[in-house]
């Protein structure tokens, strides 16, 4: 009799999906009655995460600059880095909103929660956090196996880089995130993990903010051996300071920004860029035989 009742319930309502619970990047417990079907993502890296684990059909809206993979460009927009529209988000009837801790949407996130909309906060600080977040998103979307596969591939790539560069000669590195005003990263940013993976020492690691604003004088005092830029050519700003070891030795590198600056699966490509740049610097300085 009980088996018959369960079968009848399935025919009338469809399969009963178990609730899912995860802790987000801030350690906050999030419970959904079933895997999410209508997701709004408020950061490009979260869009990439969902596509990577095969949950793109559950994604109904995104923010500006959500341009990878190319199919994401066709999705409705609800705002961008200057702010998001609460009304545009609610029009999508989301059963889950994904937000970034550093996305600047704190007020809208709290209003969504007050309205009963589940919100997951992404806050990756290390490379390992990226793999963990992929697994959590897999649980929230019912794509656990696919997410596990992507996370393991990511971890294997990082392990390979760690093995290759674990004995590399350390280099003092400055990362320029923007030119005017001048911003860098500290150990509170996952970008610091990229440097350490590749044998780099972030000269501004100890600053308290994840992306602190600094002065030209601070860079001169730090004497970086290598300078990396995410968005602009370093030479126009720094070529007038030949006392900087990186300028003197011509060790200024511009990286492909998106794989380095978005903490999703492509961060592995970003790590390879950083490692290749530091390896090239060591070769030029005669610090490696190959």
C-alpha atoms as a PDB file:
ATOM      1  CA  UNK A   1       0.000   0.000   0.000  1.00  0.00           C
ATOM      2  CA  UNK A   2       2.787   2.424   0.950  1.00  0.00           C
ATOM      3  CA  UNK A   3       4.641   1.663  -2.288  1.00  0.00           C
ATOM      4  CA  UNK A   4       1.446   2.352  -4.276  1.00  0.00           C
ATOM      5  CA  UNK A   5       0.971   5.706  -2.539  1.00  0.00           C
ATOM      6  CA  UNK A   6       4.551   6.732  -3.351  1.00  0.00           C
ATOM      7  CA  UNK A   7       4.071   5.794  -6.989  1.00  0.00           C
ATOM      8  CA  UNK A   8       0.820   7.735  -7.149  1.00  0.00           C
ATOM      9  CA  UNK A   9       2.523  10.773  -5.611  1.00  0.00           C
ATOM     10  CA  UNK A  10       5.276  10.610  -8.229  1.00  0.00           C
ATOM     11  CA  UNK A  11       2.719  10.453 -11.067  1.00  0.00           C
ATOM     12  CA  UNK A  12       0.852  13.465  -9.710  1.00  0.00           C
ATOM     13  CA  UNK A  13       3.745  15.695  -8.685  1.00  0.00           C
ATOM     14  CA  UNK A  14       6.867  14.261 -10.309  1.00  0.00           C
ATOM     15  CA  UNK A  15       9.867  12.845  -8.452  1.00  0.00           C
ATOM     16  CA  UNK A  16      10.405  14.075  -4.882  1.00  0.00           C
ATOM     17  CA  UNK A  17      13.733  15.912  -4.808  1.00  0.00           C
ATOM     18  CA  UNK A  18      15.651  15.964  -1.537  1.00  0.00           C
ATOM     19  CA  UNK A  19      16.619  19.287  -0.008  1.00  0.00           C
ATOM     20  CA  UNK A  20      20.236  20.369  -0.227  1.00  0.00           C
ATOM     21  CA  UNK A  21      22.302  22.265   2.332  1.00  0.00           C
ATOM     22  CA  UNK A  22      25.731  23.866   1.930  1.00  0.00           C
ATOM     23  CA  UNK A  23      27.778  26.537   3.665  1.00  0.00           C
ATOM     24  CA  UNK A  24      28.714  29.408   1.394  1.00  0.00           C
ATOM     25  CA  UNK A  25      32.022  31.238   1.196  1.00  0.00           C
ATOM     26  CA  UNK A  26      31.238  33.145   4.401  1.00  0.00           C
ATOM     27  CA  UNK A  27      30.309  29.995   6.295  1.00  0.00           C
ATOM     28  CA  UNK A  28      26.589  30.770   6.225  1.00  0.00           C
ATOM     29  CA  UNK A  29      24.281  27.760   5.972  1.00  0.00           C
ATOM     30  CA  UNK A  30      22.047  27.762   2.896  1.00  0.00           C
ATOM     31  CA  UNK A  31      19.288  25.188   2.500  1.00  0.00           C
ATOM     32  CA  UNK A  32      17.134  24.723  -0.588  1.00  0.00           C
ATOM     33  CA  UNK A  33      14.065  22.453  -0.707  1.00  0.00           C
ATOM     34  CA  UNK A  34      15.421  21.005  -3.964  1.00  0.00           C
ATOM     35  CA  UNK A  35      18.217  21.780  -6.441  1.00  0.00           C
ATOM     36  CA  UNK A  36      17.788  25.262  -7.912  1.00  0.00           C
ATOM     37  CA  UNK A  37      16.048  25.621 -11.265  1.00  0.00           C
ATOM     38  CA  UNK A  38      16.175  29.405 -11.786  1.00  0.00           C
ATOM     39  CA  UNK A  39      19.521  30.985 -10.890  1.00  0.00           C
ATOM     40  CA  UNK A  40      20.689  34.584 -11.181  1.00  0.00           C
ATOM     41  CA  UNK A  41      24.492  34.983 -11.013  1.00  0.00           C
ATOM     42  CA  UNK A  42      25.883  38.374  -9.975  1.00  0.00           C
ATOM     43  CA  UNK A  43      29.514  37.758 -10.946  1.00  0.00           C
ATOM     44  CA  UNK A  44      31.113  36.534 -14.198  1.00  0.00           C
ATOM     45  CA  UNK A  45      33.164  33.849 -12.432  1.00  0.00           C
ATOM     46  CA  UNK A  46      29.988  32.284 -11.049  1.00  0.00           C
ATOM     47  CA  UNK A  47      28.554  32.170 -14.559  1.00  0.00           C
ATOM     48  CA  UNK A  48      31.669  30.313 -15.695  1.00  0.00           C
ATOM     49  CA  UNK A  49      31.310  27.909 -12.772  1.00  0.00           C
ATOM     50  CA  UNK A  50      27.754  26.995 -13.736  1.00  0.00           C
ATOM     51  CA  UNK A  51      28.644  26.411 -17.377  1.00  0.00           C
ATOM     52  CA  UNK A  52      31.641  24.307 -16.356  1.00  0.00           C
ATOM     53  CA  UNK A  53      29.497  21.929 -14.290  1.00  0.00           C
ATOM     54  CA  UNK A  54      26.739  21.725 -16.903  1.00  0.00           C
ATOM     55  CA  UNK A  55      24.168  23.806 -15.004  1.00  0.00           C
ATOM     56  CA  UNK A  56      23.781  26.506 -17.666  1.00  0.00           C
ATOM     57  CA  UNK A  57      20.126  25.658 -18.365  1.00  0.00           C
ATOM     58  CA  UNK A  58      19.304  26.676 -14.812  1.00  0.00           C
ATOM     59  CA  UNK A  59      20.927  30.090 -15.310  1.00  0.00           C
ATOM     60  CA  UNK A  60      18.287  32.717 -16.163  1.00  0.00           C
ATOM     61  CA  UNK A  61      20.152  36.033 -15.785  1.00  0.00           C
ATOM     62  CA  UNK A  62      23.647  37.426 -15.247  1.00  0.00           C
ATOM     63  CA  UNK A  63      25.547  40.700 -14.904  1.00  0.00           C
ATOM     64  CA  UNK A  64      27.605  42.709 -17.380  1.00  0.00           C
ATOM     65  CA  UNK A  65      30.960  41.244 -18.449  1.00  0.00           C
ATOM     66  CA  UNK A  66      29.562  37.719 -18.199  1.00  0.00           C
ATOM     67  CA  UNK A  67      31.088  36.883 -21.552  1.00  0.00           C
ATOM     68  CA  UNK A  68      32.506  33.387 -21.123  1.00  0.00           C
ATOM     69  CA  UNK A  69      31.669  31.008 -22.562  1.00  0.00           C
ATOM     70  CA  UNK A  70      30.290  33.035 -25.511  1.00  0.00           C
ATOM     71  CA  UNK A  71      26.801  31.579 -25.024  1.00  0.00           C
ATOM     72  CA  UNK A  72      26.565  33.516 -21.741  1.00  0.00           C
ATOM     73  CA  UNK A  73      26.466  36.779 -23.699  1.00  0.00           C
ATOM     74  CA  UNK A  74      22.902  35.986 -24.777  1.00  0.00           C
ATOM     75  CA  UNK A  75      21.501  35.835 -21.243  1.00  0.00           C
ATOM     76  CA  UNK A  76      19.425  38.696 -19.760  1.00  0.00           C
ATOM     77  CA  UNK A  77      21.335  41.286 -17.719  1.00  0.00           C
ATOM     78  CA  UNK A  78      20.328  42.534 -14.270  1.00  0.00           C
ATOM     79  CA  UNK A  79      23.138  45.052 -13.765  1.00  0.00           C
ATOM     80  CA  UNK A  80      26.900  45.267 -13.553  1.00  0.00           C
ATOM     81  CA  UNK A  81      29.825  46.419 -11.428  1.00  0.00           C
ATOM     82  CA  UNK A  82      28.168  49.788 -10.800  1.00  0.00           C
ATOM     83  CA  UNK A  83      25.135  48.081  -9.272  1.00  0.00           C
ATOM     84  CA  UNK A  84      22.336  45.619  -9.901  1.00  0.00           C
ATOM     85  CA  UNK A  85      18.602  46.131 -10.247  1.00  0.00           C
ATOM     86  CA  UNK A  86      16.566  44.422  -7.564  1.00  0.00           C
ATOM     87  CA  UNK A  87      13.488  44.654  -9.763  1.00  0.00           C
ATOM     88  CA  UNK A  88      15.272  43.021 -12.708  1.00  0.00           C
ATOM     89  CA  UNK A  89      16.410  40.167 -10.470  1.00  0.00           C
ATOM     90  CA  UNK A  90      12.937  39.581  -9.043  1.00  0.00           C
ATOM     91  CA  UNK A  91      11.385  39.562 -12.512  1.00  0.00           C
ATOM     92  CA  UNK A  92      13.391  36.411 -13.189  1.00  0.00           C
ATOM     93  CA  UNK A  93      11.658  34.640 -10.251  1.00  0.00           C
ATOM     94  CA  UNK A  94      14.947  33.127  -9.000  1.00  0.00           C
ATOM     95  CA  UNK A  95      15.020  30.281  -6.522  1.00  0.00           C
ATOM     96  CA  UNK A  96      18.724  31.005  -5.976  1.00  0.00           C
ATOM     97  CA  UNK A  97      20.934  34.076  -6.374  1.00  0.00           C
ATOM     98  CA  UNK A  98      24.725  33.696  -6.499  1.00  0.00           C
ATOM     99  CA  UNK A  99      26.670  36.767  -5.362  1.00  0.00           C
ATOM    100  CA  UNK A 100      30.351  37.614  -4.862  1.00  0.00           C
ATOM    101  CA  UNK A 101      31.610  38.902  -1.527  1.00  0.00           C
ATOM    102  CA  UNK A 102      33.583  41.641  -3.297  1.00  0.00           C
ATOM    103  CA  UNK A 103      30.886  42.439  -5.864  1.00  0.00           C
ATOM    104  CA  UNK A 104      29.629  45.570  -4.128  1.00  0.00           C
ATOM    105  CA  UNK A 105      26.015  44.370  -4.020  1.00  0.00           C
ATOM    106  CA  UNK A 106      25.657  43.981  -0.270  1.00  0.00           C
ATOM    107  CA  UNK A 107      22.551  46.158   0.058  1.00  0.00           C
ATOM    108  CA  UNK A 108      20.704  44.338  -2.720  1.00  0.00           C
ATOM    109  CA  UNK A 109      21.732  40.961  -1.288  1.00  0.00           C
ATOM    110  CA  UNK A 110      20.246  41.834   2.095  1.00  0.00           C
ATOM    111  CA  UNK A 111      17.026  43.032   0.484  1.00  0.00           C
ATOM    112  CA  UNK A 112      16.767  39.790  -1.484  1.00  0.00           C
ATOM    113  CA  UNK A 113      17.186  37.794   1.698  1.00  0.00           C
ATOM    114  CA  UNK A 114      14.544  39.903   3.428  1.00  0.00           C
ATOM    115  CA  UNK A 115      12.195  38.997   0.583  1.00  0.00           C
ATOM    116  CA  UNK A 116      12.910  35.304   1.099  1.00  0.00           C
ATOM    117  CA  UNK A 117      15.190  34.764  -1.896  1.00  0.00           C
ATOM    118  CA  UNK A 118      18.000  32.267  -1.122  1.00  0.00           C
ATOM    119  CA  UNK A 119      21.456  33.810  -1.639  1.00  0.00           C
ATOM    120  CA  UNK A 120      24.819  32.059  -1.837  1.00  0.00           C
ATOM    121  CA  UNK A 121      27.910  34.238  -1.253  1.00  0.00           C
ATOM    122  CA  UNK A 122      31.093  33.342  -3.120  1.00  0.00           C
ATOM    123  CA  UNK A 123      34.307  34.294  -1.298  1.00  0.00           C
ATOM    124  CA  UNK A 124      37.267  32.256  -2.591  1.00  0.00           C
ATOM    125  CA  UNK A 125      40.536  33.226  -0.901  1.00  0.00           C
ATOM    126  CA  UNK A 126      42.737  30.332  -2.025  1.00  0.00           C
ATOM    127  CA  UNK A 127      43.040  28.074  -5.044  1.00  0.00           C
ATOM    128  CA  UNK A 128      41.574  25.234  -3.010  1.00  0.00           C
ATOM    129  CA  UNK A 129      38.481  27.341  -2.353  1.00  0.00           C
ATOM    130  CA  UNK A 130      37.715  27.339  -6.083  1.00  0.00           C
ATOM    131  CA  UNK A 131      37.457  23.554  -6.206  1.00  0.00           C
ATOM    132  CA  UNK A 132      35.360  23.520  -3.046  1.00  0.00           C
ATOM    133  CA  UNK A 133      32.988  26.091  -4.485  1.00  0.00           C
ATOM    134  CA  UNK A 134      32.523  24.055  -7.662  1.00  0.00           C
ATOM    135  CA  UNK A 135      31.464  21.101  -5.518  1.00  0.00           C
ATOM    136  CA  UNK A 136      29.039  23.221  -3.488  1.00  0.00           C
ATOM    137  CA  UNK A 137      27.478  24.655  -6.625  1.00  0.00           C
ATOM    138  CA  UNK A 138      27.159  21.102  -7.889  1.00  0.00           C
ATOM    139  CA  UNK A 139      25.092  20.258  -4.833  1.00  0.00           C
ATOM    140  CA  UNK A 140      22.911  23.363  -5.185  1.00  0.00           C
ATOM    141  CA  UNK A 141      22.166  22.572  -8.827  1.00  0.00           C
ATOM    142  CA  UNK A 142      21.920  18.788  -8.687  1.00  0.00           C
ATOM    143  CA  UNK A 143      25.099  18.447 -10.747  1.00  0.00           C
ATOM    144  CA  UNK A 144      27.286  16.808  -8.101  1.00  0.00           C
ATOM    145  CA  UNK A 145      29.043  14.292 -10.331  1.00  0.00           C
ATOM    146  CA  UNK A 146      29.867  16.791 -13.060  1.00  0.00           C
ATOM    147  CA  UNK A 147      31.085  19.281 -10.470  1.00  0.00           C
ATOM    148  CA  UNK A 148      33.247  16.627  -8.829  1.00  0.00           C
ATOM    149  CA  UNK A 149      34.867  15.843 -12.194  1.00  0.00           C
ATOM    150  CA  UNK A 150      35.613  19.523 -12.910  1.00  0.00           C
ATOM    151  CA  UNK A 151      36.935  20.104  -9.380  1.00  0.00           C
ATOM    152  CA  UNK A 152      39.234  17.078  -9.544  1.00  0.00           C
ATOM    153  CA  UNK A 153      40.596  18.171 -12.920  1.00  0.00           C
ATOM    154  CA  UNK A 154      41.275  21.624 -11.473  1.00  0.00           C
ATOM    155  CA  UNK A 155      43.013  20.168  -8.422  1.00  0.00           C
ATOM    156  CA  UNK A 156      45.121  17.832 -10.561  1.00  0.00           C
ATOM    157  CA  UNK A 157      46.315  20.757 -12.675  1.00  0.00           C
ATOM    158  CA  UNK A 158      47.266  22.730  -9.580  1.00  0.00           C
ATOM    159  CA  UNK A 159      49.085  19.732  -8.122  1.00  0.00           C
ATOM    160  CA  UNK A 160      51.106  19.418 -11.319  1.00  0.00           C
ATOM    161  CA  UNK A 161      52.129  23.080 -11.177  1.00  0.00           C
ATOM    162  CA  UNK A 162      52.981  22.783  -7.489  1.00  0.00           C
ATOM    163  CA  UNK A 163      55.236  19.827  -8.196  1.00  0.00           C
ATOM    164  CA  UNK A 164      56.964  21.604 -11.063  1.00  0.00           C
ATOM    165  CA  UNK A 165      57.666  24.813  -9.130  1.00  0.00           C
ATOM    166  CA  UNK A 166      58.032  23.611  -5.539  1.00  0.00           C
ATOM    167  CA  UNK A 167      61.815  24.121  -5.625  1.00  0.00           C
ATOM    168  CA  UNK A 168      61.821  27.270  -7.746  1.00  0.00           C
ATOM    169  CA  UNK A 169      63.942  30.181  -6.552  1.00  0.00           C
ATOM    170  CA  UNK A 170      61.570  32.680  -4.867  1.00  0.00           C
ATOM    171  CA  UNK A 171      61.085  36.019  -6.601  1.00  0.00           C
ATOM    172  CA  UNK A 172      59.654  39.260  -5.215  1.00  0.00           C
ATOM    173  CA  UNK A 173      56.581  40.087  -7.316  1.00  0.00           C
ATOM    174  CA  UNK A 174      54.338  43.131  -7.666  1.00  0.00           C
ATOM    175  CA  UNK A 175      50.879  42.645  -9.216  1.00  0.00           C
ATOM    176  CA  UNK A 176      49.311  45.775 -10.711  1.00  0.00           C
ATOM    177  CA  UNK A 177      45.544  45.437 -10.868  1.00  0.00           C
ATOM    178  CA  UNK A 178      44.915  48.981 -12.076  1.00  0.00           C
ATOM    179  CA  UNK A 179      47.082  51.905 -13.071  1.00  0.00           C
ATOM    180  CA  UNK A 180      45.210  55.065 -12.090  1.00  0.00           C
ATOM    181  CA  UNK A 181      44.590  54.841  -9.205  1.00  0.00           C
ATOM    182  CA  UNK A 182      47.235  52.256  -8.439  1.00  0.00           C
ATOM    183  CA  UNK A 183      45.854  49.044  -6.931  1.00  0.00           C
ATOM    184  CA  UNK A 184      47.471  45.724  -6.105  1.00  0.00           C
ATOM    185  CA  UNK A 185      46.517  42.545  -4.187  1.00  0.00           C
ATOM    186  CA  UNK A 186      47.309  41.207  -0.729  1.00  0.00           C
ATOM    187  CA  UNK A 187      47.208  37.722   0.793  1.00  0.00           C
ATOM    188  CA  UNK A 188      43.470  38.318   1.254  1.00  0.00           C
ATOM    189  CA  UNK A 189      43.070  37.746  -2.496  1.00  0.00           C
ATOM    190  CA  UNK A 190      43.185  34.397  -4.289  1.00  0.00           C
ATOM    191  CA  UNK A 191      45.725  36.001  -6.663  1.00  0.00           C
ATOM    192  CA  UNK A 192      48.262  35.764  -3.865  1.00  0.00           C
ATOM    193  CA  UNK A 193      47.782  31.978  -3.966  1.00  0.00           C
ATOM    194  CA  UNK A 194      48.726  32.012  -7.654  1.00  0.00           C
ATOM    195  CA  UNK A 195      52.004  33.751  -6.866  1.00  0.00           C
ATOM    196  CA  UNK A 196      52.886  31.360  -4.065  1.00  0.00           C
ATOM    197  CA  UNK A 197      52.052  28.349  -6.224  1.00  0.00           C
ATOM    198  CA  UNK A 198      54.582  29.547  -8.790  1.00  0.00           C
ATOM    199  CA  UNK A 199      57.322  30.446  -6.313  1.00  0.00           C
ATOM    200  CA  UNK A 200      56.516  34.148  -6.136  1.00  0.00           C
ATOM    201  CA  UNK A 201      56.515  36.349  -3.032  1.00  0.00           C
ATOM    202  CA  UNK A 202      53.870  39.056  -3.125  1.00  0.00           C
ATOM    203  CA  UNK A 203      55.593  42.236  -1.960  1.00  0.00           C
ATOM    204  CA  UNK A 204      52.266  43.607  -0.670  1.00  0.00           C
ATOM    205  CA  UNK A 205      50.960  40.387   0.864  1.00  0.00           C
ATOM    206  CA  UNK A 206      50.694  41.850   4.380  1.00  0.00           C
ATOM    207  CA  UNK A 207      48.322  44.705   3.565  1.00  0.00           C
ATOM    208  CA  UNK A 208      44.918  44.227   5.229  1.00  0.00           C
ATOM    209  CA  UNK A 209      42.636  44.807   2.240  1.00  0.00           C
ATOM    210  CA  UNK A 210      42.205  42.238  -0.554  1.00  0.00           C
ATOM    211  CA  UNK A 211      42.835  44.899  -3.230  1.00  0.00           C
ATOM    212  CA  UNK A 212      44.606  47.828  -1.534  1.00  0.00           C
ATOM    213  CA  UNK A 213      45.414  51.145  -3.144  1.00  0.00           C
ATOM    214  CA  UNK A 214      49.118  51.950  -2.947  1.00  0.00           C
ATOM    215  CA  UNK A 215      51.553  54.682  -3.953  1.00  0.00           C
ATOM    216  CA  UNK A 216      54.396  54.775  -6.436  1.00  0.00           C
ATOM    217  CA  UNK A 217      56.742  55.288  -3.489  1.00  0.00           C
ATOM    218  CA  UNK A 218      55.540  52.047  -1.898  1.00  0.00           C
ATOM    219  CA  UNK A 219      56.362  50.109  -5.067  1.00  0.00           C
ATOM    220  CA  UNK A 220      59.811  51.712  -5.240  1.00  0.00           C
ATOM    221  CA  UNK A 221      60.450  50.763  -1.613  1.00  0.00           C
ATOM    222  CA  UNK A 222      59.326  47.161  -2.215  1.00  0.00           C
ATOM    223  CA  UNK A 223      61.889  46.666  -5.033  1.00  0.00           C
ATOM    224  CA  UNK A 224      60.001  43.924  -6.927  1.00  0.00           C
ATOM    225  CA  UNK A 225      62.088  41.669  -9.155  1.00  0.00           C
ATOM    226  CA  UNK A 226      59.082  40.942 -11.377  1.00  0.00           C
ATOM    227  CA  UNK A 227      56.042  43.071 -12.186  1.00  0.00           C
ATOM    228  CA  UNK A 228      52.788  41.592 -13.486  1.00  0.00           C
ATOM    229  CA  UNK A 229      49.847  43.538 -14.860  1.00  0.00           C
ATOM    230  CA  UNK A 230      46.301  42.373 -15.473  1.00  0.00           C
ATOM    231  CA  UNK A 231      44.928  45.134 -17.675  1.00  0.00           C
ATOM    232  CA  UNK A 232      47.580  47.513 -18.951  1.00  0.00           C
ATOM    233  CA  UNK A 233      51.110  47.751 -20.293  1.00  0.00           C
ATOM    234  CA  UNK A 234      53.465  48.388 -17.381  1.00  0.00           C
ATOM    235  CA  UNK A 235      56.145  50.195 -19.353  1.00  0.00           C
ATOM    236  CA  UNK A 236      54.546  53.657 -19.759  1.00  0.00           C
ATOM    237  CA  UNK A 237      54.138  54.064 -16.012  1.00  0.00           C
ATOM    238  CA  UNK A 238      57.326  52.435 -14.761  1.00  0.00           C
ATOM    239  CA  UNK A 239      60.024  52.833 -17.407  1.00  0.00           C
ATOM    240  CA  UNK A 240      61.075  56.104 -15.775  1.00  0.00           C
ATOM    241  CA  UNK A 241      62.123  54.218 -12.631  1.00  0.00           C
ATOM    242  CA  UNK A 242      65.182  52.166 -13.659  1.00  0.00           C
ATOM    243  CA  UNK A 243      66.124  51.693  -9.998  1.00  0.00           C
ATOM    244  CA  UNK A 244      63.348  49.087  -9.807  1.00  0.00           C
ATOM    245  CA  UNK A 245      64.955  45.652 -10.371  1.00  0.00           C
ATOM    246  CA  UNK A 246      62.039  44.536 -12.563  1.00  0.00           C
ATOM    247  CA  UNK A 247      62.413  47.596 -14.813  1.00  0.00           C
ATOM    248  CA  UNK A 248      66.199  47.343 -14.910  1.00  0.00           C
ATOM    249  CA  UNK A 249      66.043  43.695 -15.971  1.00  0.00           C
ATOM    250  CA  UNK A 250      63.066  44.045 -18.300  1.00  0.00           C
ATOM    251  CA  UNK A 251      60.857  41.693 -16.275  1.00  0.00           C
ATOM    252  CA  UNK A 252      57.487  43.333 -16.830  1.00  0.00           C
ATOM    253  CA  UNK A 253      54.716  40.988 -17.962  1.00  0.00           C
ATOM    254  CA  UNK A 254      51.138  41.612 -19.004  1.00  0.00           C
ATOM    255  CA  UNK A 255      48.748  38.727 -18.320  1.00  0.00           C
ATOM    256  CA  UNK A 256      45.503  37.741 -19.992  1.00  0.00           C
ATOM    257  CA  UNK A 257      43.249  39.292 -17.357  1.00  0.00           C
ATOM    258  CA  UNK A 258      40.117  37.153 -17.306  1.00  0.00           C
ATOM    259  CA  UNK A 259      41.672  33.745 -16.512  1.00  0.00           C
ATOM    260  CA  UNK A 260      43.756  35.372 -13.772  1.00  0.00           C
ATOM    261  CA  UNK A 261      41.104  37.620 -12.260  1.00  0.00           C
ATOM    262  CA  UNK A 262      38.096  35.270 -12.244  1.00  0.00           C
ATOM    263  CA  UNK A 263      38.219  32.578  -9.533  1.00  0.00           C
ATOM    264  CA  UNK A 264      36.621  29.812 -11.574  1.00  0.00           C
ATOM    265  CA  UNK A 265      37.888  26.823 -13.574  1.00  0.00           C
ATOM    266  CA  UNK A 266      39.934  29.044 -15.921  1.00  0.00           C
ATOM    267  CA  UNK A 267      42.018  30.156 -12.949  1.00  0.00           C
ATOM    268  CA  UNK A 268      44.142  27.118 -13.752  1.00  0.00           C
ATOM    269  CA  UNK A 269      45.028  28.793 -17.065  1.00  0.00           C
ATOM    270  CA  UNK A 270      45.779  31.946 -15.115  1.00  0.00           C
ATOM    271  CA  UNK A 271      48.090  29.995 -12.822  1.00  0.00           C
ATOM    272  CA  UNK A 272      49.941  28.633 -15.836  1.00  0.00           C
ATOM    273  CA  UNK A 273      50.394  32.193 -17.151  1.00  0.00           C
ATOM    274  CA  UNK A 274      51.827  33.374 -13.841  1.00  0.00           C
ATOM    275  CA  UNK A 275      54.131  30.361 -13.545  1.00  0.00           C
ATOM    276  CA  UNK A 276      55.335  30.773 -17.135  1.00  0.00           C
ATOM    277  CA  UNK A 277      56.095  34.461 -16.504  1.00  0.00           C
ATOM    278  CA  UNK A 278      58.077  33.756 -13.340  1.00  0.00           C
ATOM    279  CA  UNK A 279      59.898  30.880 -15.050  1.00  0.00           C
ATOM    280  CA  UNK A 280      60.866  33.223 -17.895  1.00  0.00           C
ATOM    281  CA  UNK A 281      62.101  35.755 -15.314  1.00  0.00           C
ATOM    282  CA  UNK A 282      64.264  33.121 -13.606  1.00  0.00           C
ATOM    283  CA  UNK A 283      65.749  32.095 -16.922  1.00  0.00           C
ATOM    284  CA  UNK A 284      66.625  35.698 -17.742  1.00  0.00           C
ATOM    285  CA  UNK A 285      68.175  36.155 -14.313  1.00  0.00           C
ATOM    286  CA  UNK A 286      70.139  32.911 -14.648  1.00  0.00           C
ATOM    287  CA  UNK A 287      68.319  31.290 -11.732  1.00  0.00           C
ATOM    288  CA  UNK A 288      67.269  28.139 -13.552  1.00  0.00           C
ATOM    289  CA  UNK A 289      69.173  25.802 -15.869  1.00  0.00           C
ATOM    290  CA  UNK A 290      66.205  25.329 -18.235  1.00  0.00           C
END
